[in-house]
């Protein structure tokens, strides 16, 4: 039975594992010292620290307002303005190209309702933005 747990996801680890089989996190391995340091000297082992985001929201994501995104989707969504605002330029261009069919306007109407009714955390994770 494994007594070690993954620092990233908390799953139990096999003895001698170099990577978590659940989340793929690389594990820091410490090799035994070849010789004992002289009396009175301290040996420090430095490990690389990976940033861990408990909620999954990266602080480097741009700050956007979900109400603005929702209103843009409801009013100008047929032209893809809400996609441009959220930083999804490729989808914004697709909305512009197909705007004459009114299909993007219909999809954007429902997206606007979803933006306005979703929780802040769900909005942030889905669109890779931070809510101000």
N, C-alpha and C. Protein backbone atom coordinates (compact mmCIF):
# COMPACT_ATOMS: atom_id res chain seq x y z
N UNK A 1 0.84 -1.18 0.00
CA UNK A 1 0.00 0.00 0.00
C UNK A 1 0.89 1.24 0.00
N UNK A 2 0.59 2.17 -0.89
CA UNK A 2 1.42 3.37 -1.03
C UNK A 2 1.12 4.35 0.09
N UNK A 3 2.18 4.91 0.65
CA UNK A 3 2.00 5.92 1.71
C UNK A 3 2.23 7.32 1.16
N UNK A 4 2.80 7.44 -0.01
CA UNK A 4 3.05 8.74 -0.62
C UNK A 4 1.81 9.18 -1.38
N UNK A 5 1.61 10.50 -1.44
CA UNK A 5 0.50 11.05 -2.22
C UNK A 5 1.05 12.11 -3.17
N UNK A 6 0.35 12.31 -4.27
CA UNK A 6 0.75 13.30 -5.27
C UNK A 6 0.52 14.71 -4.71
N UNK A 7 1.50 15.61 -4.83
CA UNK A 7 1.32 16.97 -4.32
C UNK A 7 0.31 17.77 -5.14
N UNK A 8 0.04 17.36 -6.38
CA UNK A 8 -0.87 18.09 -7.25
C UNK A 8 -2.32 17.68 -7.03
N UNK A 9 -2.60 16.36 -7.08
CA UNK A 9 -4.00 15.91 -7.02
C UNK A 9 -4.32 15.12 -5.76
N UNK A 10 -3.33 14.71 -4.98
CA UNK A 10 -3.57 13.99 -3.75
C UNK A 10 -3.81 12.50 -3.92
N UNK A 11 -3.61 11.97 -5.12
CA UNK A 11 -3.82 10.55 -5.36
C UNK A 11 -2.66 9.74 -4.77
N UNK A 12 -2.93 8.50 -4.35
CA UNK A 12 -1.84 7.67 -3.82
C UNK A 12 -0.83 7.32 -4.90
N UNK A 13 0.45 7.27 -4.51
CA UNK A 13 1.53 7.00 -5.46
C UNK A 13 2.14 5.63 -5.19
N UNK A 14 2.60 5.02 -6.24
CA UNK A 14 3.35 3.77 -6.13
C UNK A 14 4.74 4.08 -5.57
N UNK A 15 5.33 3.17 -4.82
CA UNK A 15 6.71 3.41 -4.35
C UNK A 15 7.66 3.50 -5.55
N UNK A 16 8.48 4.53 -5.58
CA UNK A 16 9.46 4.71 -6.65
C UNK A 16 8.89 5.35 -7.91
N UNK A 17 7.65 5.82 -7.87
CA UNK A 17 7.05 6.43 -9.06
C UNK A 17 7.73 7.76 -9.35
N UNK A 18 7.88 8.08 -10.64
CA UNK A 18 8.48 9.35 -11.04
C UNK A 18 7.43 10.31 -11.57
N UNK A 19 6.19 9.82 -11.76
CA UNK A 19 5.12 10.65 -12.28
C UNK A 19 3.79 10.09 -11.78
N UNK A 20 2.84 10.97 -11.50
CA UNK A 20 1.52 10.55 -11.02
C UNK A 20 0.75 9.95 -12.19
N UNK A 21 0.17 8.77 -11.98
CA UNK A 21 -0.55 8.12 -13.07
C UNK A 21 -1.94 8.71 -13.28
N UNK A 22 -2.41 9.57 -12.36
CA UNK A 22 -3.72 10.18 -12.51
C UNK A 22 -3.66 11.55 -13.18
N UNK A 23 -2.76 12.42 -12.71
CA UNK A 23 -2.70 13.77 -13.26
C UNK A 23 -1.46 14.02 -14.12
N UNK A 24 -0.48 13.11 -14.10
CA UNK A 24 0.72 13.27 -14.91
C UNK A 24 1.77 14.19 -14.34
N UNK A 25 1.60 14.61 -13.09
CA UNK A 25 2.55 15.51 -12.43
C UNK A 25 3.90 14.82 -12.26
N UNK A 26 4.96 15.48 -12.71
CA UNK A 26 6.31 14.96 -12.51
C UNK A 26 6.67 15.11 -11.04
N UNK A 27 7.21 14.08 -10.45
CA UNK A 27 7.54 14.09 -9.04
C UNK A 27 9.02 14.35 -8.85
N UNK A 28 9.37 15.15 -7.86
CA UNK A 28 10.77 15.43 -7.55
C UNK A 28 11.33 14.21 -6.83
N UNK A 29 12.44 13.73 -7.35
CA UNK A 29 13.08 12.57 -6.72
C UNK A 29 14.36 13.02 -6.07
N UNK A 30 14.57 12.57 -4.86
CA UNK A 30 15.79 12.89 -4.14
C UNK A 30 16.63 11.63 -4.06
N UNK A 31 17.85 11.73 -4.50
CA UNK A 31 18.73 10.59 -4.43
C UNK A 31 19.49 10.64 -3.11
N UNK A 32 19.75 9.48 -2.60
CA UNK A 32 20.47 9.40 -1.32
C UNK A 32 21.86 9.98 -1.49
N UNK A 33 22.32 10.64 -0.46
CA UNK A 33 23.65 11.25 -0.51
C UNK A 33 24.70 10.16 -0.59
N UNK A 34 25.69 10.37 -1.44
CA UNK A 34 26.75 9.37 -1.61
C UNK A 34 27.65 9.33 -0.39
N UNK A 35 27.83 10.47 0.23
CA UNK A 35 28.67 10.51 1.42
C UNK A 35 28.01 11.40 2.46
N UNK A 36 28.34 11.18 3.67
CA UNK A 36 27.79 11.97 4.77
C UNK A 36 28.57 13.27 4.85
N UNK A 37 27.86 14.43 4.96
CA UNK A 37 28.60 15.69 5.04
C UNK A 37 29.38 15.76 6.34
N UNK A 38 30.48 16.51 6.32
CA UNK A 38 31.28 16.66 7.53
C UNK A 38 30.45 17.24 8.67
N UNK A 39 30.90 16.97 9.88
CA UNK A 39 30.19 17.42 11.07
C UNK A 39 30.08 18.95 11.07
N UNK A 40 28.87 19.46 11.36
CA UNK A 40 28.69 20.90 11.45
C UNK A 40 28.26 21.55 10.15
N UNK A 41 28.24 20.83 9.02
CA UNK A 41 27.82 21.41 7.76
C UNK A 41 26.40 20.95 7.45
N UNK A 42 25.64 21.84 6.88
CA UNK A 42 24.25 21.55 6.52
C UNK A 42 24.15 21.45 5.01
N UNK A 43 23.41 20.46 4.54
CA UNK A 43 23.20 20.27 3.11
C UNK A 43 21.76 20.66 2.81
N UNK A 44 21.58 21.56 1.83
CA UNK A 44 20.25 21.99 1.43
C UNK A 44 19.94 21.41 0.06
N UNK A 45 18.74 20.88 -0.09
CA UNK A 45 18.28 20.36 -1.38
C UNK A 45 17.19 21.30 -1.88
N UNK A 46 17.41 21.87 -3.08
CA UNK A 46 16.45 22.81 -3.63
C UNK A 46 15.62 22.09 -4.69
N UNK A 47 14.30 22.23 -4.60
CA UNK A 47 13.40 21.63 -5.57
C UNK A 47 12.67 22.75 -6.31
N UNK A 48 12.38 22.49 -7.59
CA UNK A 48 11.62 23.46 -8.37
C UNK A 48 10.17 23.43 -7.90
N UNK A 49 9.61 24.60 -7.69
CA UNK A 49 8.23 24.70 -7.22
C UNK A 49 7.35 25.04 -8.41
N UNK A 50 6.33 24.21 -8.65
CA UNK A 50 5.38 24.45 -9.71
C UNK A 50 4.20 25.23 -9.12
N UNK A 51 3.70 26.26 -9.81
CA UNK A 51 2.54 26.97 -9.28
C UNK A 51 1.30 26.07 -9.32
N UNK A 52 0.55 26.05 -8.24
CA UNK A 52 -0.66 25.26 -8.16
C UNK A 52 -1.82 26.21 -7.92
N UNK A 53 -2.81 26.13 -8.79
CA UNK A 53 -4.00 26.97 -8.68
C UNK A 53 -5.12 26.09 -8.17
N UNK A 54 -5.56 26.35 -6.95
CA UNK A 54 -6.56 25.51 -6.31
C UNK A 54 -7.86 25.53 -7.09
N UNK A 55 -8.27 26.70 -7.54
CA UNK A 55 -9.54 26.81 -8.25
C UNK A 55 -9.39 26.56 -9.74
N UNK A 56 -8.18 26.46 -10.25
CA UNK A 56 -7.96 26.26 -11.67
C UNK A 56 -7.91 27.55 -12.45
N UNK A 57 -8.05 28.68 -11.79
CA UNK A 57 -8.05 29.98 -12.46
C UNK A 57 -6.64 30.54 -12.42
N UNK A 58 -6.08 30.76 -13.58
CA UNK A 58 -4.71 31.23 -13.72
C UNK A 58 -4.68 32.75 -13.53
N UNK A 59 -3.85 33.27 -12.63
CA UNK A 59 -3.79 34.71 -12.43
C UNK A 59 -3.27 35.48 -13.64
N UNK A 60 -2.69 34.80 -14.62
CA UNK A 60 -2.18 35.48 -15.80
C UNK A 60 -3.28 35.74 -16.84
N UNK A 61 -4.46 35.16 -16.66
CA UNK A 61 -5.55 35.40 -17.61
C UNK A 61 -5.99 36.85 -17.54
N UNK A 62 -6.47 37.41 -18.67
CA UNK A 62 -6.90 38.82 -18.67
C UNK A 62 -8.18 39.01 -17.86
N UNK A 63 -8.35 40.20 -17.33
CA UNK A 63 -9.54 40.53 -16.54
C UNK A 63 -10.63 41.03 -17.48
N UNK A 64 -11.79 40.38 -17.44
CA UNK A 64 -12.95 40.76 -18.26
C UNK A 64 -14.18 40.79 -17.38
N UNK A 65 -15.23 41.47 -17.83
CA UNK A 65 -16.48 41.58 -17.10
C UNK A 65 -17.51 40.70 -17.80
N UNK A 66 -18.12 39.79 -17.04
CA UNK A 66 -19.06 38.87 -17.66
C UNK A 66 -20.36 39.56 -18.06
N UNK A 67 -20.74 40.64 -17.39
CA UNK A 67 -21.95 41.37 -17.78
C UNK A 67 -21.73 42.06 -19.13
N UNK A 68 -20.57 42.63 -19.33
CA UNK A 68 -20.26 43.26 -20.61
C UNK A 68 -20.27 42.21 -21.73
N UNK A 69 -19.68 41.05 -21.47
CA UNK A 69 -19.66 39.98 -22.47
C UNK A 69 -21.08 39.52 -22.77
N UNK A 70 -21.93 39.41 -21.76
CA UNK A 70 -23.31 38.98 -21.97
C UNK A 70 -24.12 39.99 -22.77
N UNK A 71 -23.96 41.26 -22.45
CA UNK A 71 -24.70 42.31 -23.17
C UNK A 71 -24.20 42.41 -24.61
N UNK A 72 -22.90 42.31 -24.82
CA UNK A 72 -22.38 42.32 -26.20
C UNK A 72 -22.91 41.13 -26.99
N UNK A 73 -23.02 39.97 -26.34
CA UNK A 73 -23.54 38.79 -27.03
C UNK A 73 -25.01 39.00 -27.40
N UNK A 74 -25.79 39.62 -26.51
CA UNK A 74 -27.21 39.82 -26.79
C UNK A 74 -27.44 40.88 -27.87
N UNK A 75 -26.66 41.96 -27.84
CA UNK A 75 -26.91 43.07 -28.76
C UNK A 75 -26.13 42.97 -30.07
N UNK A 76 -24.84 42.62 -30.01
CA UNK A 76 -23.98 42.60 -31.20
C UNK A 76 -23.35 41.23 -31.42
N UNK A 77 -23.96 40.21 -30.88
CA UNK A 77 -23.40 38.86 -30.96
C UNK A 77 -23.38 38.30 -32.37
N UNK A 78 -24.30 38.75 -33.22
CA UNK A 78 -24.33 38.27 -34.60
C UNK A 78 -23.08 38.64 -35.36
N UNK A 79 -22.39 39.67 -34.92
CA UNK A 79 -21.13 40.09 -35.54
C UNK A 79 -19.91 39.58 -34.78
N UNK A 80 -20.14 38.90 -33.66
CA UNK A 80 -19.05 38.29 -32.91
C UNK A 80 -18.33 39.22 -31.96
N UNK A 81 -18.94 40.35 -31.61
CA UNK A 81 -18.25 41.30 -30.74
C UNK A 81 -17.90 40.70 -29.38
N UNK A 82 -18.77 39.85 -28.85
CA UNK A 82 -18.49 39.23 -27.56
C UNK A 82 -17.29 38.31 -27.62
N UNK A 83 -17.09 37.64 -28.76
CA UNK A 83 -15.93 36.77 -28.92
C UNK A 83 -14.64 37.59 -29.00
N UNK A 84 -14.69 38.72 -29.71
CA UNK A 84 -13.52 39.59 -29.76
C UNK A 84 -13.21 40.14 -28.37
N UNK A 85 -14.24 40.52 -27.62
CA UNK A 85 -14.04 41.05 -26.27
C UNK A 85 -13.38 40.02 -25.36
N UNK A 86 -13.79 38.77 -25.46
CA UNK A 86 -13.23 37.72 -24.61
C UNK A 86 -11.87 37.21 -25.10
N UNK A 87 -11.40 37.70 -26.24
CA UNK A 87 -10.08 37.34 -26.73
C UNK A 87 -10.07 36.14 -27.66
N UNK A 88 -11.24 35.67 -28.06
CA UNK A 88 -11.33 34.53 -28.97
C UNK A 88 -11.49 35.07 -30.39
N UNK A 89 -10.39 35.55 -30.95
CA UNK A 89 -10.41 36.25 -32.24
C UNK A 89 -10.87 35.34 -33.38
N UNK A 90 -10.42 34.10 -33.37
CA UNK A 90 -10.78 33.16 -34.44
C UNK A 90 -12.28 32.96 -34.54
N UNK A 91 -12.94 32.74 -33.42
CA UNK A 91 -14.39 32.56 -33.43
C UNK A 91 -15.08 33.87 -33.79
N UNK A 92 -14.51 35.00 -33.40
CA UNK A 92 -15.08 36.29 -33.78
C UNK A 92 -15.09 36.47 -35.29
N UNK A 93 -14.03 36.05 -35.94
CA UNK A 93 -13.96 36.14 -37.40
C UNK A 93 -14.97 35.20 -38.05
N UNK A 94 -15.14 34.00 -37.48
CA UNK A 94 -16.14 33.06 -38.00
C UNK A 94 -17.54 33.66 -37.88
N UNK A 95 -17.83 34.30 -36.75
CA UNK A 95 -19.13 34.95 -36.57
C UNK A 95 -19.31 36.05 -37.62
N UNK A 96 -18.25 36.83 -37.89
CA UNK A 96 -18.35 37.89 -38.91
C UNK A 96 -18.61 37.33 -40.30
N UNK A 97 -17.91 36.26 -40.64
CA UNK A 97 -18.06 35.67 -41.98
C UNK A 97 -19.47 35.15 -42.19
N UNK A 98 -20.05 34.52 -41.18
CA UNK A 98 -21.37 33.92 -41.33
C UNK A 98 -22.50 34.79 -40.78
N UNK A 99 -22.22 36.07 -40.54
CA UNK A 99 -23.24 36.94 -39.95
C UNK A 99 -24.45 37.13 -40.86
N UNK A 100 -24.28 37.01 -42.15
CA UNK A 100 -25.38 37.18 -43.09
C UNK A 100 -26.42 36.06 -42.98
N UNK A 101 -26.08 34.93 -42.36
CA UNK A 101 -27.02 33.81 -42.23
C UNK A 101 -27.90 33.93 -40.99
N UNK A 102 -27.60 34.83 -40.08
CA UNK A 102 -28.29 35.03 -38.81
C UNK A 102 -28.14 33.84 -37.85
N UNK A 103 -27.37 32.83 -38.23
CA UNK A 103 -27.09 31.71 -37.32
C UNK A 103 -26.21 32.19 -36.17
N UNK A 104 -25.15 32.98 -36.42
CA UNK A 104 -24.36 33.48 -35.30
C UNK A 104 -25.18 34.34 -34.33
N UNK A 105 -26.15 35.09 -34.83
CA UNK A 105 -26.98 35.91 -33.96
C UNK A 105 -27.82 35.04 -33.03
N UNK A 106 -28.33 33.94 -33.55
CA UNK A 106 -29.12 33.03 -32.73
C UNK A 106 -28.25 32.36 -31.67
N UNK A 107 -27.08 31.89 -32.07
CA UNK A 107 -26.16 31.24 -31.14
C UNK A 107 -25.69 32.24 -30.09
N UNK A 108 -25.39 33.47 -30.52
CA UNK A 108 -24.90 34.50 -29.60
C UNK A 108 -25.98 34.89 -28.59
N UNK A 109 -27.24 34.86 -28.97
CA UNK A 109 -28.32 35.17 -28.04
C UNK A 109 -28.30 34.18 -26.88
N UNK A 110 -28.18 32.90 -27.19
CA UNK A 110 -28.13 31.89 -26.13
C UNK A 110 -26.82 31.98 -25.34
N UNK A 111 -25.72 32.30 -26.01
CA UNK A 111 -24.46 32.49 -25.29
C UNK A 111 -24.56 33.65 -24.31
N UNK A 112 -25.21 34.73 -24.71
CA UNK A 112 -25.38 35.88 -23.83
C UNK A 112 -26.17 35.51 -22.58
N UNK A 113 -27.22 34.73 -22.75
CA UNK A 113 -28.01 34.29 -21.59
C UNK A 113 -27.16 33.39 -20.69
N UNK A 114 -26.37 32.52 -21.29
CA UNK A 114 -25.50 31.63 -20.51
C UNK A 114 -24.45 32.46 -19.76
N UNK A 115 -23.87 33.44 -20.42
CA UNK A 115 -22.87 34.29 -19.76
C UNK A 115 -23.47 34.99 -18.54
N UNK A 116 -24.66 35.53 -18.69
CA UNK A 116 -25.28 36.31 -17.62
C UNK A 116 -25.78 35.44 -16.47
N UNK A 117 -26.12 34.19 -16.74
CA UNK A 117 -26.67 33.33 -15.67
C UNK A 117 -25.65 32.38 -15.07
N UNK A 118 -24.48 32.24 -15.67
CA UNK A 118 -23.48 31.31 -15.13
C UNK A 118 -22.78 31.92 -13.92
N UNK A 119 -22.21 31.05 -13.10
CA UNK A 119 -21.45 31.53 -11.94
C UNK A 119 -20.13 32.15 -12.42
N UNK A 120 -19.56 32.98 -11.57
CA UNK A 120 -18.30 33.63 -11.93
C UNK A 120 -17.21 32.62 -12.21
N UNK A 121 -17.10 31.59 -11.36
CA UNK A 121 -16.04 30.60 -11.53
C UNK A 121 -16.21 29.82 -12.83
N UNK A 122 -17.44 29.43 -13.15
CA UNK A 122 -17.70 28.69 -14.38
C UNK A 122 -17.39 29.56 -15.60
N UNK A 123 -17.77 30.83 -15.55
CA UNK A 123 -17.48 31.75 -16.66
C UNK A 123 -15.97 31.90 -16.86
N UNK A 124 -15.23 32.03 -15.76
CA UNK A 124 -13.79 32.20 -15.85
C UNK A 124 -13.10 30.96 -16.43
N UNK A 125 -13.49 29.78 -15.96
CA UNK A 125 -12.85 28.56 -16.44
C UNK A 125 -13.18 28.27 -17.90
N UNK A 126 -14.40 28.55 -18.31
CA UNK A 126 -14.82 28.27 -19.68
C UNK A 126 -14.16 29.21 -20.69
N UNK A 127 -14.00 30.48 -20.30
CA UNK A 127 -13.49 31.49 -21.23
C UNK A 127 -12.05 31.89 -20.99
N UNK A 128 -11.39 31.29 -20.00
CA UNK A 128 -9.98 31.58 -19.66
C UNK A 128 -9.76 33.07 -19.42
N UNK A 129 -10.64 33.65 -18.61
CA UNK A 129 -10.52 35.04 -18.19
C UNK A 129 -10.74 35.10 -16.68
N UNK A 130 -10.39 36.24 -16.10
CA UNK A 130 -10.70 36.50 -14.69
C UNK A 130 -11.81 37.55 -14.65
N UNK A 131 -12.73 37.41 -13.72
CA UNK A 131 -13.84 38.35 -13.58
C UNK A 131 -13.44 39.42 -12.60
N UNK A 132 -13.72 40.67 -12.96
CA UNK A 132 -13.40 41.77 -12.04
C UNK A 132 -14.59 42.13 -11.21
